Amino acid sequence: MARRFSMLYFILSFFTIAMYSQNGVIQGTITDSETDEGLIGATIVIQGTTKGTITDFDGNYALTNLNTGTYNVVISYISYDQVIVQVKVGEEPVNLNYTLKPTTIGIDEVVVKK
């Protein structure tokens, strides 16, 4: 009887650990829409969390240790349009490559007087 109870406990523990494991990955490359070059230092954040990363010298990134589920991923870079993409994370890595468009910033005329 004790052996069966121990075996049942082991099996239930295994499924509980597997259910709560964090093994999801979102990875990809962020590039400029005009030059197709990777953007160095672009920010990729899971909306509503503190999980995020920045791109490397080639525009590559990887968000690791994510629970399975659906996330809103915020991609931003200085002087480029911010993008929010909904991504479903499972056990297999998700490839999210995205191209950002430069933002045009206009200001009113500036008058300098002496």
N, C-alpha and C. Protein backbone atom coordinates (compact mmCIF):
# COMPACT_ATOMS: atom_id res chain seq x y z
N MET A 1 0.83 -1.19 0.00
CA MET A 1 0.00 0.00 0.00
C MET A 1 0.87 1.26 0.00
N ALA A 2 1.91 1.27 0.83
CA ALA A 2 2.79 2.44 0.90
C ALA A 2 3.51 2.64 -0.43
N ARG A 3 3.85 1.53 -1.07
CA ARG A 3 4.55 1.64 -2.35
C ARG A 3 3.65 2.26 -3.42
N ARG A 4 2.37 1.86 -3.45
CA ARG A 4 1.43 2.44 -4.40
C ARG A 4 1.23 3.93 -4.13
N PHE A 5 1.13 4.28 -2.87
CA PHE A 5 0.96 5.68 -2.51
C PHE A 5 2.18 6.49 -2.93
N SER A 6 3.37 5.95 -2.72
CA SER A 6 4.60 6.63 -3.13
C SER A 6 4.66 6.80 -4.64
N MET A 7 4.27 5.77 -5.37
CA MET A 7 4.27 5.84 -6.83
C MET A 7 3.25 6.87 -7.32
N LEU A 8 2.07 6.88 -6.74
CA LEU A 8 1.04 7.86 -7.10
C LEU A 8 1.52 9.27 -6.80
N TYR A 9 2.14 9.48 -5.67
CA TYR A 9 2.68 10.79 -5.29
C TYR A 9 3.74 11.24 -6.31
N PHE A 10 4.62 10.33 -6.70
CA PHE A 10 5.66 10.65 -7.69
C PHE A 10 5.05 11.07 -9.02
N ILE A 11 4.06 10.32 -9.49
CA ILE A 11 3.43 10.63 -10.78
C ILE A 11 2.72 11.98 -10.72
N LEU A 12 1.98 12.24 -9.67
CA LEU A 12 1.29 13.53 -9.54
C LEU A 12 2.27 14.68 -9.43
N SER A 13 3.36 14.48 -8.72
CA SER A 13 4.39 15.52 -8.61
C SER A 13 5.01 15.82 -9.97
N PHE A 14 5.27 14.79 -10.74
CA PHE A 14 5.87 14.97 -12.07
C PHE A 14 4.96 15.82 -12.95
N PHE A 15 3.66 15.51 -12.98
CA PHE A 15 2.74 16.27 -13.82
C PHE A 15 2.57 17.70 -13.32
N THR A 16 2.61 17.91 -12.02
CA THR A 16 2.51 19.26 -11.47
C THR A 16 3.73 20.09 -11.87
N ILE A 17 4.90 19.52 -11.76
CA ILE A 17 6.13 20.23 -12.15
C ILE A 17 6.11 20.53 -13.64
N ALA A 18 5.71 19.57 -14.45
CA ALA A 18 5.66 19.78 -15.90
C ALA A 18 4.65 20.86 -16.27
N MET A 19 3.54 20.90 -15.53
CA MET A 19 2.50 21.88 -15.83
C MET A 19 2.97 23.30 -15.53
N TYR A 20 3.76 23.48 -14.50
CA TYR A 20 4.21 24.81 -14.11
C TYR A 20 5.60 25.17 -14.63
N SER A 21 6.18 24.33 -15.43
CA SER A 21 7.52 24.64 -15.93
C SER A 21 7.47 25.80 -16.91
N GLN A 22 8.54 26.58 -16.93
CA GLN A 22 8.63 27.72 -17.83
C GLN A 22 9.63 27.38 -18.92
N ASN A 23 9.13 27.04 -20.09
CA ASN A 23 10.05 26.66 -21.14
C ASN A 23 9.74 27.33 -22.47
N GLY A 24 8.81 28.26 -22.49
CA GLY A 24 8.47 28.94 -23.73
C GLY A 24 9.52 29.96 -24.13
N VAL A 25 9.70 30.13 -25.44
CA VAL A 25 10.70 31.07 -25.96
C VAL A 25 10.09 31.86 -27.11
N ILE A 26 10.32 33.18 -27.10
CA ILE A 26 10.02 34.03 -28.25
C ILE A 26 11.36 34.57 -28.72
N GLN A 27 11.67 34.36 -29.99
CA GLN A 27 12.96 34.79 -30.52
C GLN A 27 12.78 35.34 -31.92
N GLY A 28 13.75 36.13 -32.36
CA GLY A 28 13.66 36.65 -33.71
C GLY A 28 14.65 37.76 -33.96
N THR A 29 14.37 38.54 -35.01
CA THR A 29 15.22 39.65 -35.43
C THR A 29 14.35 40.87 -35.70
N ILE A 30 14.82 42.02 -35.23
CA ILE A 30 14.14 43.29 -35.48
C ILE A 30 14.99 44.08 -36.47
N THR A 31 14.37 44.50 -37.58
CA THR A 31 15.12 45.20 -38.63
C THR A 31 14.47 46.53 -39.00
N ASP A 32 15.24 47.37 -39.68
CA ASP A 32 14.78 48.65 -40.22
C ASP A 32 14.06 48.40 -41.54
N SER A 33 12.90 49.02 -41.74
CA SER A 33 12.12 48.78 -42.95
C SER A 33 12.77 49.35 -44.20
N GLU A 34 13.61 50.35 -44.06
CA GLU A 34 14.23 50.99 -45.22
C GLU A 34 15.56 50.36 -45.62
N THR A 35 16.32 49.89 -44.64
CA THR A 35 17.66 49.36 -44.94
C THR A 35 17.77 47.85 -44.76
N ASP A 36 16.79 47.23 -44.12
CA ASP A 36 16.82 45.80 -43.78
C ASP A 36 17.97 45.43 -42.86
N GLU A 37 18.56 46.40 -42.20
CA GLU A 37 19.62 46.13 -41.22
C GLU A 37 19.01 45.88 -39.85
N GLY A 38 19.68 45.03 -39.06
CA GLY A 38 19.22 44.77 -37.71
C GLY A 38 19.34 46.02 -36.85
N LEU A 39 18.35 46.24 -35.98
CA LEU A 39 18.37 47.40 -35.09
C LEU A 39 19.02 47.02 -33.77
N ILE A 40 20.12 47.67 -33.44
CA ILE A 40 20.86 47.40 -32.21
C ILE A 40 20.17 48.09 -31.05
N GLY A 41 19.81 47.35 -30.02
CA GLY A 41 19.24 47.93 -28.82
C GLY A 41 17.75 48.17 -28.86
N ALA A 42 17.04 47.57 -29.81
CA ALA A 42 15.57 47.66 -29.80
C ALA A 42 15.06 46.92 -28.57
N THR A 43 13.96 47.40 -28.01
CA THR A 43 13.41 46.84 -26.78
C THR A 43 12.23 45.93 -27.10
N ILE A 44 12.24 44.74 -26.51
CA ILE A 44 11.14 43.78 -26.65
C ILE A 44 10.67 43.43 -25.25
N VAL A 45 9.40 43.73 -24.94
CA VAL A 45 8.87 43.55 -23.59
C VAL A 45 7.52 42.84 -23.67
N ILE A 46 7.27 41.94 -22.71
CA ILE A 46 5.95 41.34 -22.56
C ILE A 46 5.09 42.37 -21.83
N GLN A 47 4.03 42.85 -22.49
CA GLN A 47 3.18 43.90 -21.93
C GLN A 47 2.59 43.46 -20.59
N GLY A 48 2.66 44.36 -19.60
CA GLY A 48 2.11 44.09 -18.28
C GLY A 48 3.02 43.29 -17.37
N THR A 49 4.26 43.03 -17.79
CA THR A 49 5.21 42.28 -16.97
C THR A 49 6.53 43.03 -16.92
N THR A 50 7.47 42.46 -16.19
CA THR A 50 8.82 43.01 -16.16
C THR A 50 9.76 42.20 -17.05
N LYS A 51 9.21 41.26 -17.81
CA LYS A 51 10.04 40.42 -18.68
C LYS A 51 10.30 41.14 -20.00
N GLY A 52 11.57 41.24 -20.33
CA GLY A 52 11.93 41.90 -21.58
C GLY A 52 13.39 41.70 -21.89
N THR A 53 13.79 42.20 -23.05
CA THR A 53 15.17 42.08 -23.49
C THR A 53 15.44 43.16 -24.53
N ILE A 54 16.69 43.25 -24.96
CA ILE A 54 17.06 44.15 -26.05
C ILE A 54 17.77 43.35 -27.13
N THR A 55 17.78 43.90 -28.33
CA THR A 55 18.43 43.20 -29.44
C THR A 55 19.94 43.37 -29.38
N ASP A 56 20.65 42.42 -29.99
CA ASP A 56 22.11 42.46 -30.05
C ASP A 56 22.56 43.28 -31.27
N PHE A 57 23.83 43.17 -31.63
CA PHE A 57 24.40 43.95 -32.73
C PHE A 57 23.77 43.64 -34.09
N ASP A 58 23.19 42.46 -34.23
CA ASP A 58 22.57 42.07 -35.49
C ASP A 58 21.05 42.20 -35.47
N GLY A 59 20.50 42.70 -34.35
CA GLY A 59 19.05 42.83 -34.23
C GLY A 59 18.36 41.59 -33.70
N ASN A 60 19.13 40.60 -33.24
CA ASN A 60 18.57 39.35 -32.73
C ASN A 60 18.22 39.47 -31.25
N TYR A 61 17.20 38.72 -30.83
CA TYR A 61 16.80 38.71 -29.42
C TYR A 61 16.20 37.35 -29.07
N ALA A 62 16.06 37.10 -27.78
CA ALA A 62 15.37 35.90 -27.29
C ALA A 62 14.80 36.19 -25.92
N LEU A 63 13.50 35.98 -25.78
CA LEU A 63 12.83 36.03 -24.48
C LEU A 63 12.63 34.58 -24.05
N THR A 64 13.22 34.20 -22.92
CA THR A 64 13.19 32.81 -22.49
C THR A 64 12.43 32.66 -21.18
N ASN A 65 12.21 31.42 -20.79
CA ASN A 65 11.55 31.06 -19.53
C ASN A 65 10.15 31.65 -19.42
N LEU A 66 9.37 31.53 -20.49
CA LEU A 66 7.99 32.02 -20.50
C LEU A 66 7.03 30.87 -20.28
N ASN A 67 5.98 31.13 -19.52
CA ASN A 67 4.91 30.14 -19.38
C ASN A 67 4.15 30.07 -20.70
N THR A 68 3.54 28.92 -20.96
CA THR A 68 2.71 28.83 -22.16
C THR A 68 1.51 29.74 -21.99
N GLY A 69 1.07 30.33 -23.09
CA GLY A 69 -0.06 31.25 -23.05
C GLY A 69 0.05 32.28 -24.15
N THR A 70 -0.86 33.24 -24.13
CA THR A 70 -0.88 34.30 -25.13
C THR A 70 -0.39 35.59 -24.50
N TYR A 71 0.52 36.27 -25.19
CA TYR A 71 1.13 37.49 -24.69
C TYR A 71 1.04 38.60 -25.73
N ASN A 72 0.99 39.84 -25.25
CA ASN A 72 1.17 41.01 -26.11
C ASN A 72 2.62 41.43 -25.99
N VAL A 73 3.34 41.38 -27.11
CA VAL A 73 4.76 41.72 -27.15
C VAL A 73 4.89 43.13 -27.70
N VAL A 74 5.55 44.01 -26.92
CA VAL A 74 5.76 45.40 -27.32
C VAL A 74 7.17 45.53 -27.87
N ILE A 75 7.28 45.99 -29.12
CA ILE A 75 8.58 46.18 -29.78
C ILE A 75 8.75 47.67 -30.02
N SER A 76 9.86 48.23 -29.50
CA SER A 76 10.05 49.68 -29.67
C SER A 76 11.53 50.00 -29.85
N TYR A 77 11.75 51.16 -30.46
CA TYR A 77 13.09 51.66 -30.72
C TYR A 77 12.98 53.16 -30.91
N ILE A 78 13.98 53.90 -30.45
CA ILE A 78 13.95 55.36 -30.54
C ILE A 78 13.80 55.79 -31.99
N SER A 79 12.89 56.69 -32.24
CA SER A 79 12.55 57.29 -33.54
C SER A 79 11.95 56.29 -34.53
N TYR A 80 11.36 55.20 -34.01
CA TYR A 80 10.63 54.24 -34.84
C TYR A 80 9.25 54.04 -34.24
N ASP A 81 8.28 53.65 -35.08
CA ASP A 81 6.94 53.37 -34.59
C ASP A 81 6.96 52.17 -33.66
N GLN A 82 6.26 52.29 -32.52
CA GLN A 82 6.13 51.17 -31.59
C GLN A 82 5.09 50.20 -32.14
N VAL A 83 5.32 48.91 -31.92
CA VAL A 83 4.43 47.87 -32.42
C VAL A 83 4.06 46.95 -31.27
N ILE A 84 2.78 46.53 -31.22
CA ILE A 84 2.34 45.54 -30.25
C ILE A 84 1.81 44.35 -31.04
N VAL A 85 2.38 43.17 -30.77
CA VAL A 85 2.03 41.95 -31.50
C VAL A 85 1.55 40.90 -30.50
N GLN A 86 0.42 40.26 -30.79
CA GLN A 86 -0.07 39.18 -29.93
C GLN A 86 0.59 37.87 -30.37
N VAL A 87 1.16 37.16 -29.40
CA VAL A 87 1.91 35.94 -29.68
C VAL A 87 1.43 34.83 -28.76
N LYS A 88 1.21 33.64 -29.33
CA LYS A 88 0.84 32.47 -28.53
C LYS A 88 2.09 31.63 -28.32
N VAL A 89 2.45 31.42 -27.06
CA VAL A 89 3.66 30.68 -26.70
C VAL A 89 3.28 29.28 -26.26
N GLY A 90 3.97 28.30 -26.83
CA GLY A 90 3.79 26.91 -26.44
C GLY A 90 5.13 26.32 -26.05
N GLU A 91 5.26 25.03 -26.24
CA GLU A 91 6.52 24.37 -25.89
C GLU A 91 7.59 24.58 -26.95
N GLU A 92 7.20 24.84 -28.18
CA GLU A 92 8.16 25.08 -29.26
C GLU A 92 8.51 26.57 -29.30
N PRO A 93 9.74 26.92 -29.64
CA PRO A 93 10.12 28.34 -29.76
C PRO A 93 9.28 29.05 -30.83
N VAL A 94 8.89 30.28 -30.53
CA VAL A 94 8.13 31.11 -31.47
C VAL A 94 9.10 32.07 -32.13
N ASN A 95 9.13 32.09 -33.46
CA ASN A 95 9.97 33.02 -34.20
C ASN A 95 9.14 34.25 -34.55
N LEU A 96 9.55 35.40 -34.01
CA LEU A 96 8.87 36.66 -34.26
C LEU A 96 9.88 37.65 -34.83
N ASN A 97 9.95 37.69 -36.15
CA ASN A 97 10.79 38.66 -36.84
C ASN A 97 9.90 39.84 -37.20
N TYR A 98 10.41 41.05 -36.98
CA TYR A 98 9.58 42.22 -37.26
C TYR A 98 10.42 43.34 -37.84
N THR A 99 9.80 44.10 -38.74
CA THR A 99 10.44 45.25 -39.37
C THR A 99 9.78 46.51 -38.86
N LEU A 100 10.57 47.42 -38.29
CA LEU A 100 10.04 48.68 -37.76
C LEU A 100 10.20 49.79 -38.78
N LYS A 101 9.21 50.70 -38.79
CA LYS A 101 9.24 51.84 -39.69
C LYS A 101 9.69 53.08 -38.94
N PRO A 102 10.59 53.87 -39.54
CA PRO A 102 11.03 55.12 -38.90
C PRO A 102 9.85 56.08 -38.72
N THR A 103 9.88 56.84 -37.63
CA THR A 103 8.86 57.84 -37.35
C THR A 103 9.37 59.20 -37.76
N THR A 104 8.51 59.98 -38.40
CA THR A 104 8.86 61.36 -38.73
C THR A 104 8.34 62.24 -37.61
N ILE A 105 9.24 63.01 -37.03
CA ILE A 105 8.86 63.90 -35.94
C ILE A 105 8.93 65.32 -36.46
N GLY A 106 7.80 66.00 -36.43
CA GLY A 106 7.75 67.39 -36.90
C GLY A 106 7.63 68.34 -35.73
N ILE A 107 8.27 69.49 -35.85
CA ILE A 107 8.14 70.51 -34.82
C ILE A 107 7.78 71.83 -35.49
N ASP A 108 7.20 72.72 -34.72
CA ASP A 108 6.89 74.05 -35.23
C ASP A 108 8.18 74.81 -35.49
N GLU A 109 8.04 75.88 -36.25
CA GLU A 109 9.23 76.67 -36.57
C GLU A 109 9.80 77.29 -35.31
N VAL A 110 11.10 77.40 -35.28
CA VAL A 110 11.81 77.97 -34.14
C VAL A 110 12.42 79.29 -34.56
N VAL A 111 12.16 80.33 -33.76
CA VAL A 111 12.71 81.65 -34.04
C VAL A 111 13.70 81.99 -32.95
N VAL A 112 14.91 82.35 -33.35
CA VAL A 112 15.95 82.73 -32.41
C VAL A 112 16.16 84.23 -32.51
N LYS A 113 15.99 84.93 -31.39
CA LYS A 113 16.18 86.38 -31.37
C LYS A 113 17.33 86.72 -30.45
N LYS A 114 17.96 87.82 -30.80
CA LYS A 114 19.06 88.28 -29.98
C LYS A 114 18.62 89.35 -29.04
